[in-house]
Amino acid sequence: MKRQNIFLEFLGFGSPRAVVVNFSMILLTLAIIPTAFWDRSPDLCIWHRFILPLVFRHHCPTSGIFASCHVPSCGLTHALSQLLHGDFVSAFDYNKLVFIVFGLIVFLLVWNTIKLIKNNNGRFSR
């Protein structure tokens, strides 16, 4: 039962420890994998590929926030990968919100790390 609780904690970002580990692993993975891998991979934006076409019955709006069935989060994986590899222009081209999202991730990492240290007197145990 304890193993299941830890799994759910990490799956749902349910604790400071889960936030630190999950975001660290996401950023590490994006930093290690070459950007060319993401350029060759298909568009996996669930909203763009599946949800919005169903909602709009394949007649996506031509203007507004959902123009061409794109959402503000489309391209963030590519953008974060480009940013972590130092290509700021390409990162911005993939998604205009990349710098805000990256700043938010770094803030959450720092804040939750401090929280962990304060709550556990420097130990990373529960």
N, C-alpha and C. Protein backbone atom coordinates (compact mmCIF):
# COMPACT_ATOMS: atom_id res chain seq x y z
N MET A 1 0.82 -1.20 0.00
CA MET A 1 0.00 0.00 0.00
C MET A 1 0.87 1.26 0.00
N LYS A 2 1.98 1.22 0.73
CA LYS A 2 2.84 2.39 0.81
C LYS A 2 3.43 2.74 -0.56
N ARG A 3 3.80 1.71 -1.33
CA ARG A 3 4.37 1.94 -2.65
C ARG A 3 3.36 2.64 -3.56
N GLN A 4 2.09 2.26 -3.45
CA GLN A 4 1.04 2.89 -4.24
C GLN A 4 0.87 4.35 -3.84
N ASN A 5 0.94 4.66 -2.56
CA ASN A 5 0.82 6.04 -2.10
C ASN A 5 1.94 6.91 -2.64
N ILE A 6 3.16 6.39 -2.64
CA ILE A 6 4.30 7.14 -3.17
C ILE A 6 4.12 7.36 -4.66
N PHE A 7 3.67 6.33 -5.38
CA PHE A 7 3.43 6.46 -6.82
C PHE A 7 2.40 7.56 -7.09
N LEU A 8 1.30 7.55 -6.36
CA LEU A 8 0.26 8.57 -6.55
C LEU A 8 0.75 9.95 -6.16
N GLU A 9 1.57 10.02 -5.13
CA GLU A 9 2.14 11.31 -4.71
C GLU A 9 2.97 11.91 -5.83
N PHE A 10 3.81 11.10 -6.47
CA PHE A 10 4.66 11.60 -7.54
C PHE A 10 3.87 11.84 -8.82
N LEU A 11 2.89 11.01 -9.08
CA LEU A 11 2.06 11.18 -10.27
C LEU A 11 1.29 12.49 -10.22
N GLY A 12 0.81 12.85 -9.05
CA GLY A 12 -0.01 14.05 -8.92
C GLY A 12 0.73 15.27 -8.40
N PHE A 13 2.06 15.23 -8.37
CA PHE A 13 2.84 16.35 -7.82
C PHE A 13 2.29 16.72 -6.45
N GLY A 14 1.98 15.69 -5.63
CA GLY A 14 1.26 15.89 -4.37
C GLY A 14 2.07 16.32 -3.18
N SER A 15 3.35 16.57 -3.34
CA SER A 15 4.17 17.00 -2.21
C SER A 15 5.35 17.80 -2.74
N PRO A 16 6.02 18.55 -1.87
CA PRO A 16 7.22 19.26 -2.32
C PRO A 16 8.27 18.31 -2.90
N ARG A 17 8.41 17.14 -2.29
CA ARG A 17 9.38 16.16 -2.78
C ARG A 17 9.02 15.74 -4.21
N ALA A 18 7.75 15.49 -4.46
CA ALA A 18 7.31 15.09 -5.80
C ALA A 18 7.55 16.20 -6.81
N VAL A 19 7.28 17.43 -6.43
CA VAL A 19 7.50 18.58 -7.33
C VAL A 19 8.97 18.68 -7.70
N VAL A 20 9.85 18.59 -6.71
CA VAL A 20 11.29 18.72 -6.96
C VAL A 20 11.78 17.58 -7.85
N VAL A 21 11.42 16.36 -7.52
CA VAL A 21 11.90 15.21 -8.30
C VAL A 21 11.32 15.25 -9.72
N ASN A 22 10.03 15.47 -9.85
CA ASN A 22 9.40 15.44 -11.18
C ASN A 22 9.92 16.54 -12.09
N PHE A 23 9.94 17.78 -11.61
CA PHE A 23 10.42 18.87 -12.46
C PHE A 23 11.91 18.72 -12.77
N SER A 24 12.69 18.24 -11.81
CA SER A 24 14.12 18.01 -12.07
C SER A 24 14.31 16.97 -13.16
N MET A 25 13.54 15.90 -13.10
CA MET A 25 13.66 14.84 -14.11
C MET A 25 13.19 15.32 -15.48
N ILE A 26 12.14 16.11 -15.50
CA ILE A 26 11.65 16.66 -16.78
C ILE A 26 12.72 17.54 -17.41
N LEU A 27 13.28 18.47 -16.63
CA LEU A 27 14.30 19.37 -17.17
C LEU A 27 15.57 18.62 -17.55
N LEU A 28 15.96 17.64 -16.75
CA LEU A 28 17.15 16.85 -17.07
C LEU A 28 16.95 16.07 -18.37
N THR A 29 15.79 15.48 -18.53
CA THR A 29 15.50 14.74 -19.76
C THR A 29 15.53 15.65 -20.98
N LEU A 30 14.92 16.82 -20.86
CA LEU A 30 14.91 17.76 -21.99
C LEU A 30 16.30 18.30 -22.28
N ALA A 31 17.15 18.41 -21.25
CA ALA A 31 18.51 18.90 -21.45
C ALA A 31 19.42 17.84 -22.07
N ILE A 32 19.16 16.58 -21.76
CA ILE A 32 20.02 15.49 -22.26
C ILE A 32 19.68 15.12 -23.70
N ILE A 33 18.40 15.02 -24.00
CA ILE A 33 17.99 14.59 -25.35
C ILE A 33 18.27 15.72 -26.34
N PRO A 34 18.97 15.41 -27.44
CA PRO A 34 19.27 16.44 -28.44
C PRO A 34 18.00 17.06 -29.03
N THR A 35 18.08 18.32 -29.37
CA THR A 35 16.90 19.02 -29.91
C THR A 35 16.46 18.41 -31.25
N ALA A 36 17.39 17.81 -31.98
CA ALA A 36 17.03 17.19 -33.26
C ALA A 36 16.02 16.06 -33.06
N PHE A 37 16.07 15.40 -31.92
CA PHE A 37 15.09 14.34 -31.63
C PHE A 37 13.69 14.91 -31.62
N TRP A 38 13.51 16.05 -30.97
CA TRP A 38 12.18 16.66 -30.88
C TRP A 38 11.74 17.19 -32.23
N ASP A 39 12.70 17.65 -33.04
CA ASP A 39 12.35 18.15 -34.38
C ASP A 39 11.84 17.02 -35.27
N ARG A 40 12.35 15.80 -35.08
CA ARG A 40 11.90 14.66 -35.89
C ARG A 40 10.64 14.00 -35.34
N SER A 41 10.33 14.28 -34.08
CA SER A 41 9.16 13.63 -33.47
C SER A 41 7.87 14.29 -33.96
N PRO A 42 6.79 13.53 -33.99
CA PRO A 42 5.51 14.10 -34.45
C PRO A 42 4.94 15.08 -33.42
N ASP A 43 4.02 15.89 -33.89
CA ASP A 43 3.31 16.82 -33.00
C ASP A 43 2.43 16.00 -32.06
N LEU A 44 2.75 16.05 -30.78
CA LEU A 44 2.00 15.25 -29.81
C LEU A 44 1.07 16.09 -28.94
N CYS A 45 0.81 17.31 -29.34
CA CYS A 45 -0.07 18.17 -28.56
C CYS A 45 -1.48 17.57 -28.57
N ILE A 46 -1.88 17.04 -27.44
CA ILE A 46 -3.18 16.36 -27.33
C ILE A 46 -4.33 17.30 -27.67
N TRP A 47 -4.22 18.54 -27.21
CA TRP A 47 -5.28 19.52 -27.49
C TRP A 47 -5.39 19.78 -28.98
N HIS A 48 -4.24 19.95 -29.65
CA HIS A 48 -4.23 20.27 -31.08
C HIS A 48 -4.65 19.08 -31.94
N ARG A 49 -4.21 17.89 -31.58
CA ARG A 49 -4.46 16.71 -32.40
C ARG A 49 -5.82 16.05 -32.16
N PHE A 50 -6.30 16.08 -30.92
CA PHE A 50 -7.48 15.28 -30.61
C PHE A 50 -8.66 16.06 -30.03
N ILE A 51 -8.42 16.78 -28.96
CA ILE A 51 -9.53 17.37 -28.20
C ILE A 51 -10.23 18.49 -28.96
N LEU A 52 -9.48 19.51 -29.39
CA LEU A 52 -10.13 20.63 -30.08
C LEU A 52 -10.77 20.24 -31.41
N PRO A 53 -10.16 19.39 -32.23
CA PRO A 53 -10.87 18.95 -33.44
C PRO A 53 -12.20 18.26 -33.13
N LEU A 54 -12.24 17.52 -32.02
CA LEU A 54 -13.52 16.90 -31.63
C LEU A 54 -14.52 17.96 -31.18
N VAL A 55 -14.06 18.91 -30.40
CA VAL A 55 -14.96 19.96 -29.90
C VAL A 55 -15.52 20.78 -31.06
N PHE A 56 -14.65 21.16 -31.99
CA PHE A 56 -15.09 22.01 -33.11
C PHE A 56 -15.51 21.20 -34.33
N ARG A 57 -15.57 19.89 -34.20
CA ARG A 57 -15.98 18.98 -35.29
C ARG A 57 -15.16 19.22 -36.57
N HIS A 58 -13.85 19.34 -36.38
CA HIS A 58 -12.88 19.55 -37.45
C HIS A 58 -13.08 20.86 -38.21
N HIS A 59 -13.77 21.83 -37.62
CA HIS A 59 -13.91 23.17 -38.19
C HIS A 59 -13.34 24.16 -37.19
N CYS A 60 -12.02 24.14 -37.05
CA CYS A 60 -11.36 24.99 -36.05
C CYS A 60 -11.54 26.46 -36.40
N PRO A 61 -11.61 27.31 -35.39
CA PRO A 61 -11.74 28.75 -35.65
C PRO A 61 -10.53 29.27 -36.41
N THR A 62 -10.73 30.34 -37.16
CA THR A 62 -9.63 30.93 -37.91
C THR A 62 -8.95 32.06 -37.15
N SER A 63 -9.54 32.48 -36.04
CA SER A 63 -8.91 33.53 -35.24
C SER A 63 -9.21 33.27 -33.76
N GLY A 64 -8.53 34.01 -32.93
CA GLY A 64 -8.74 33.86 -31.49
C GLY A 64 -7.74 32.91 -30.86
N ILE A 65 -7.95 32.60 -29.59
CA ILE A 65 -6.99 31.80 -28.84
C ILE A 65 -6.89 30.37 -29.36
N PHE A 66 -7.94 29.84 -29.97
CA PHE A 66 -7.92 28.47 -30.48
C PHE A 66 -7.81 28.44 -32.01
N ALA A 67 -7.24 29.47 -32.62
CA ALA A 67 -7.10 29.52 -34.07
C ALA A 67 -6.33 28.29 -34.56
N SER A 68 -6.82 27.67 -35.58
CA SER A 68 -6.25 26.45 -36.16
C SER A 68 -6.12 25.33 -35.13
N CYS A 69 -6.96 25.37 -34.12
CA CYS A 69 -6.98 24.36 -33.04
C CYS A 69 -5.66 24.30 -32.27
N HIS A 70 -4.97 25.41 -32.17
CA HIS A 70 -3.76 25.48 -31.34
C HIS A 70 -4.14 26.09 -30.00
N VAL A 71 -3.43 25.68 -28.97
CA VAL A 71 -3.63 26.23 -27.63
C VAL A 71 -2.31 26.83 -27.17
N PRO A 72 -2.35 27.67 -26.14
CA PRO A 72 -1.11 28.32 -25.68
C PRO A 72 -0.01 27.35 -25.25
N SER A 73 -0.35 26.12 -24.92
CA SER A 73 0.69 25.18 -24.46
C SER A 73 1.33 24.38 -25.59
N CYS A 74 0.79 24.46 -26.80
CA CYS A 74 1.37 23.71 -27.92
C CYS A 74 2.81 24.16 -28.17
N GLY A 75 3.71 23.21 -28.30
CA GLY A 75 5.11 23.50 -28.60
C GLY A 75 5.99 23.74 -27.39
N LEU A 76 5.45 23.61 -26.19
CA LEU A 76 6.26 23.88 -25.00
C LEU A 76 7.39 22.87 -24.81
N THR A 77 7.19 21.62 -25.16
CA THR A 77 8.26 20.63 -25.03
C THR A 77 9.43 21.00 -25.93
N HIS A 78 9.13 21.30 -27.19
CA HIS A 78 10.18 21.73 -28.12
C HIS A 78 10.85 23.00 -27.61
N ALA A 79 10.04 23.95 -27.16
CA ALA A 79 10.57 25.24 -26.71
C ALA A 79 11.48 25.09 -25.50
N LEU A 80 11.05 24.30 -24.52
CA LEU A 80 11.88 24.09 -23.32
C LEU A 80 13.18 23.38 -23.68
N SER A 81 13.11 22.42 -24.59
CA SER A 81 14.32 21.73 -25.03
C SER A 81 15.29 22.72 -25.69
N GLN A 82 14.78 23.55 -26.58
CA GLN A 82 15.62 24.55 -27.24
C GLN A 82 16.22 25.51 -26.22
N LEU A 83 15.42 25.94 -25.26
CA LEU A 83 15.88 26.87 -24.23
C LEU A 83 17.00 26.24 -23.40
N LEU A 84 16.83 24.99 -23.00
CA LEU A 84 17.85 24.31 -22.19
C LEU A 84 19.13 24.04 -22.97
N HIS A 85 19.05 24.04 -24.29
CA HIS A 85 20.24 23.88 -25.12
C HIS A 85 20.81 25.23 -25.57
N GLY A 86 20.24 26.32 -25.06
CA GLY A 86 20.80 27.65 -25.32
C GLY A 86 20.30 28.34 -26.56
N ASP A 87 19.35 27.78 -27.27
CA ASP A 87 18.82 28.41 -28.48
C ASP A 87 17.55 29.18 -28.13
N PHE A 88 17.75 30.40 -27.65
CA PHE A 88 16.64 31.21 -27.14
C PHE A 88 15.68 31.66 -28.24
N VAL A 89 16.20 31.94 -29.42
CA VAL A 89 15.35 32.40 -30.52
C VAL A 89 14.41 31.28 -30.97
N SER A 90 14.96 30.08 -31.15
CA SER A 90 14.11 28.94 -31.55
C SER A 90 13.10 28.61 -30.46
N ALA A 91 13.53 28.71 -29.21
CA ALA A 91 12.61 28.45 -28.10
C ALA A 91 11.43 29.41 -28.16
N PHE A 92 11.71 30.67 -28.40
CA PHE A 92 10.65 31.67 -28.49
C PHE A 92 9.76 31.43 -29.70
N ASP A 93 10.37 30.97 -30.81
CA ASP A 93 9.59 30.67 -32.02
C ASP A 93 8.63 29.50 -31.80
N TYR A 94 9.05 28.50 -31.04
CA TYR A 94 8.17 27.35 -30.77
C TYR A 94 6.99 27.74 -29.88
N ASN A 95 7.26 28.54 -28.86
CA ASN A 95 6.18 28.95 -27.96
C ASN A 95 6.59 30.23 -27.25
N LYS A 96 5.77 31.24 -27.40
CA LYS A 96 6.07 32.57 -26.83
C LYS A 96 6.07 32.57 -25.30
N LEU A 97 5.45 31.59 -24.67
CA LEU A 97 5.35 31.55 -23.21
C LEU A 97 6.50 30.78 -22.56
N VAL A 98 7.48 30.33 -23.34
CA VAL A 98 8.52 29.45 -22.80
C VAL A 98 9.29 30.08 -21.65
N PHE A 99 9.59 31.37 -21.73
CA PHE A 99 10.39 32.00 -20.67
C PHE A 99 9.58 32.12 -19.38
N ILE A 100 8.30 32.37 -19.50
CA ILE A 100 7.43 32.44 -18.32
C ILE A 100 7.30 31.06 -17.69
N VAL A 101 7.07 30.05 -18.52
CA VAL A 101 6.91 28.68 -18.01
C VAL A 101 8.22 28.20 -17.37
N PHE A 102 9.34 28.46 -18.02
CA PHE A 102 10.63 28.05 -17.46
C PHE A 102 10.89 28.76 -16.13
N GLY A 103 10.61 30.05 -16.08
CA GLY A 103 10.76 30.79 -14.82
C GLY A 103 9.88 30.23 -13.72
N LEU A 104 8.67 29.86 -14.07
CA LEU A 104 7.75 29.28 -13.10
C LEU A 104 8.26 27.92 -12.60
N ILE A 105 8.78 27.11 -13.49
CA ILE A 105 9.34 25.81 -13.09
C ILE A 105 10.52 26.00 -12.15
N VAL A 106 11.42 26.92 -12.50
CA VAL A 106 12.58 27.18 -11.63
C VAL A 106 12.12 27.69 -10.28
N PHE A 107 11.15 28.61 -10.27
CA PHE A 107 10.62 29.12 -9.01
C PHE A 107 10.05 27.99 -8.16
N LEU A 108 9.24 27.12 -8.77
CA LEU A 108 8.65 26.00 -8.03
C LEU A 108 9.71 25.03 -7.52
N LEU A 109 10.75 24.82 -8.31
CA LEU A 109 11.85 23.96 -7.85
C LEU A 109 12.54 24.55 -6.63
N VAL A 110 12.88 25.82 -6.69
CA VAL A 110 13.57 26.48 -5.58
C VAL A 110 12.68 26.53 -4.35
N TRP A 111 11.44 26.95 -4.53
CA TRP A 111 10.50 27.10 -3.41
C TRP A 111 10.26 25.77 -2.71
N ASN A 112 10.03 24.72 -3.49
CA ASN A 112 9.77 23.41 -2.89
C ASN A 112 11.02 22.78 -2.30
N THR A 113 12.19 23.08 -2.85
CA THR A 113 13.43 22.60 -2.24
C THR A 113 13.64 23.26 -0.89
N ILE A 114 13.41 24.56 -0.80
CA ILE A 114 13.51 25.27 0.48
C ILE A 114 12.51 24.71 1.48
N LYS A 115 11.30 24.46 1.01
CA LYS A 115 10.26 23.88 1.86
C LYS A 115 10.69 22.51 2.40
N LEU A 116 11.26 21.70 1.54
CA LEU A 116 11.74 20.39 1.96
C LEU A 116 12.83 20.50 3.02
N ILE A 117 13.77 21.38 2.79
CA ILE A 117 14.88 21.54 3.73
C ILE A 117 14.38 22.06 5.07
N LYS A 118 13.49 23.03 5.05
CA LYS A 118 12.96 23.58 6.30
C LYS A 118 12.13 22.56 7.07
N ASN A 119 11.28 21.83 6.37
CA ASN A 119 10.39 20.87 7.03
C ASN A 119 11.10 19.63 7.52
N ASN A 120 12.21 19.28 6.90
CA ASN A 120 12.90 18.04 7.25
C ASN A 120 14.26 18.28 7.87
N ASN A 121 14.54 19.50 8.27
CA ASN A 121 15.84 19.83 8.86
C ASN A 121 17.00 19.37 7.99
N GLY A 122 16.86 19.56 6.71
CA GLY A 122 17.93 19.21 5.79
C GLY A 122 17.88 17.80 5.24
N ARG A 123 16.99 16.96 5.74
CA ARG A 123 16.88 15.58 5.25
C ARG A 123 15.84 15.52 4.14
N PHE A 124 16.10 14.73 3.13
CA PHE A 124 15.14 14.58 2.04
C PHE A 124 14.27 13.35 2.24
N SER A 125 14.05 12.99 3.46
CA SER A 125 13.15 11.86 3.74
C SER A 125 11.81 12.40 4.18
N ARG A 126 10.85 11.52 4.22
CA ARG A 126 9.50 11.91 4.59
C ARG A 126 9.39 12.20 6.01
